[in-house]
Amino acid sequence: MPPAREPLDLTPSPLATDEEPLADYPGARPPDRRRTLVAHDVRLAVSEWGAPDAPPLLLAHGGFDFAGTFAVFAPLLADGGFRVVSWDQRGHGDSEHVALYSWDADVRDALGVLDSLTHEPIPLLGH
């Protein structure tokens, strides 16, 4: 019988403040702005990098992750002229845990974030 493994800690680390580094990785940078958005009765934590008036670009993280995972990639895109916006999906990071988790709910949340930025089409990158 193989030895027992230690359980994985899948708790996302909180986003960094200006006083503490987000990650010990060159180029990692905390968001320029953070806000809470209520979309379809769910509190979502939204992070933004780049100028507020720059063209928006949405980044969606994968399962068991959070917006802070883009702390290296998002600043590169922001420095290239985009307003990079990502959110902690329901039940992830600093967003609210809820009873309903589904693909449709994820799409509604993404549309809530999109609607808080513009009603025009914009690019979305998924991880």
Protein backbone atom coordinates (compact mmCIF):
# COMPACT_ATOMS: atom_id res chain seq x y z
CA MET A 1 0.00 0.00 0.00
CA PRO A 2 1.50 3.42 -0.98
CA PRO A 3 2.18 5.94 1.80
CA ALA A 4 -0.57 8.46 2.56
CA ARG A 5 -0.16 11.83 0.87
CA GLU A 6 -0.64 15.17 2.53
CA PRO A 7 -3.87 16.82 1.34
CA LEU A 8 -3.40 19.67 -1.13
CA ASP A 9 -4.16 23.16 0.14
CA LEU A 10 -6.25 24.67 -2.65
CA THR A 11 -7.09 27.84 -0.74
CA PRO A 12 -6.15 30.78 -2.95
CA SER A 13 -3.79 33.26 -1.37
CA PRO A 14 -5.25 36.75 -0.98
CA LEU A 15 -4.30 39.47 -3.42
CA ALA A 16 -1.34 41.48 -2.21
CA THR A 17 -1.41 44.99 -0.87
CA ASP A 18 1.18 47.61 -1.71
CA GLU A 19 3.08 46.59 1.43
CA GLU A 20 3.45 42.89 0.66
CA PRO A 21 4.57 41.27 -2.58
CA LEU A 22 1.98 39.27 -4.50
CA ALA A 23 4.47 36.67 -5.54
CA ASP A 24 8.17 36.16 -5.40
CA TYR A 25 8.33 36.31 -9.17
CA PRO A 26 9.92 39.00 -11.36
CA GLY A 27 7.30 41.25 -12.90
CA ALA A 28 4.42 40.19 -10.63
CA ARG A 29 2.36 43.25 -9.79
CA PRO A 30 -0.84 43.59 -7.77
CA PRO A 31 -3.88 45.12 -9.50
CA ASP A 32 -4.04 48.90 -9.87
CA ARG A 33 -7.66 48.82 -8.70
CA ARG A 34 -9.94 46.37 -6.92
CA ARG A 35 -13.70 46.57 -6.57
CA THR A 36 -16.68 44.47 -5.66
CA LEU A 37 -19.43 43.96 -8.20
CA VAL A 38 -22.82 42.46 -7.41
CA ALA A 39 -23.94 40.49 -10.47
CA HIS A 40 -27.15 38.47 -10.27
CA ASP A 41 -27.07 38.67 -6.45
CA VAL A 42 -23.49 37.34 -6.22
CA ARG A 43 -20.61 39.48 -4.89
CA LEU A 44 -17.67 39.20 -7.29
CA ALA A 45 -14.18 40.54 -6.57
CA VAL A 46 -12.90 42.39 -9.65
CA SER A 47 -9.24 43.29 -10.26
CA GLU A 48 -7.96 45.76 -12.84
CA TRP A 49 -4.55 46.62 -14.25
CA GLY A 50 -3.86 49.56 -16.55
CA ALA A 51 -5.43 52.93 -17.25
CA PRO A 52 -9.20 53.13 -16.62
CA ASP A 53 -9.73 54.74 -20.04
CA ALA A 54 -7.68 52.16 -22.00
CA PRO A 55 -9.44 49.58 -24.21
CA PRO A 56 -10.74 46.79 -21.93
CA LEU A 57 -9.63 43.18 -22.11
CA LEU A 58 -11.21 40.47 -19.91
CA LEU A 59 -9.17 37.62 -18.44
CA ALA A 60 -11.07 34.60 -17.04
CA HIS A 61 -9.20 32.21 -14.74
CA GLY A 62 -9.58 28.44 -14.66
CA GLY A 63 -11.05 26.23 -11.95
CA PHE A 64 -9.53 26.27 -8.46
CA ASP A 65 -7.83 29.58 -9.29
CA PHE A 66 -8.43 33.32 -8.87
CA ALA A 67 -7.76 36.63 -10.66
CA GLY A 68 -4.42 37.04 -8.88
CA THR A 69 -3.05 34.24 -11.04
CA PHE A 70 -2.62 36.90 -13.74
CA ALA A 71 -0.24 39.04 -11.61
CA VAL A 72 2.55 38.66 -14.18
CA PHE A 73 0.59 38.40 -17.44
CA ALA A 74 -1.94 41.21 -16.78
CA PRO A 75 0.70 43.92 -16.12
CA LEU A 76 2.38 43.07 -19.44
CA LEU A 77 -0.91 43.55 -21.27
CA ALA A 78 -1.66 46.72 -19.27
CA ASP A 79 1.76 48.13 -20.11
CA GLY A 80 0.90 47.39 -23.74
CA GLY A 81 -2.09 49.73 -23.53
CA PHE A 82 -5.01 47.63 -22.26
CA ARG A 83 -7.30 47.98 -19.26
CA VAL A 84 -7.03 44.38 -18.08
CA VAL A 85 -9.99 43.21 -16.02
CA SER A 86 -10.31 39.88 -14.25
CA TRP A 87 -12.63 38.64 -11.55
CA ASP A 88 -12.61 35.90 -8.96
CA GLN A 89 -15.30 33.57 -10.21
CA ARG A 90 -18.08 32.60 -7.80
CA GLY A 91 -16.68 30.47 -5.01
CA HIS A 92 -13.09 31.43 -5.84
CA GLY A 93 -10.68 33.94 -4.29
CA ASP A 94 -12.49 36.86 -2.67
CA SER A 95 -15.82 36.30 -4.45
CA GLU A 96 -18.87 35.00 -2.67
CA HIS A 97 -19.52 31.30 -2.22
CA VAL A 98 -23.01 30.34 -3.36
CA ALA A 99 -25.29 27.33 -3.64
CA LEU A 100 -25.41 27.33 -7.46
CA TYR A 101 -22.36 26.52 -9.59
CA SER A 102 -22.91 25.92 -13.29
CA TRP A 103 -21.65 26.91 -16.71
CA ASP A 104 -24.72 29.16 -17.14
CA ALA A 105 -24.01 30.89 -13.81
CA ASP A 106 -20.38 31.47 -14.85
CA VAL A 107 -21.53 33.01 -18.13
CA ARG A 108 -24.00 35.29 -16.29
CA ASP A 109 -21.21 36.41 -13.95
CA ALA A 110 -18.89 37.12 -16.89
CA LEU A 111 -21.65 39.15 -18.56
CA GLY A 112 -22.10 41.09 -15.31
CA VAL A 113 -18.42 42.02 -15.33
CA LEU A 114 -18.59 42.89 -19.04
CA ASP A 115 -21.69 45.06 -18.52
CA SER A 116 -19.89 46.95 -15.73
CA LEU A 117 -17.28 48.00 -18.33
CA THR A 118 -19.11 48.50 -21.62
CA HIS A 119 -21.98 47.28 -23.74
CA GLU A 120 -19.68 46.86 -26.74
CA PRO A 121 -17.93 43.60 -27.68
CA ILE A 122 -14.45 43.24 -26.19
CA PRO A 123 -11.86 40.44 -26.20
CA LEU A 124 -11.94 37.78 -23.48
CA LEU A 125 -9.05 35.40 -22.81
CA GLY A 126 -9.76 32.26 -20.80
CA HIS A 127 -7.29 30.15 -18.87
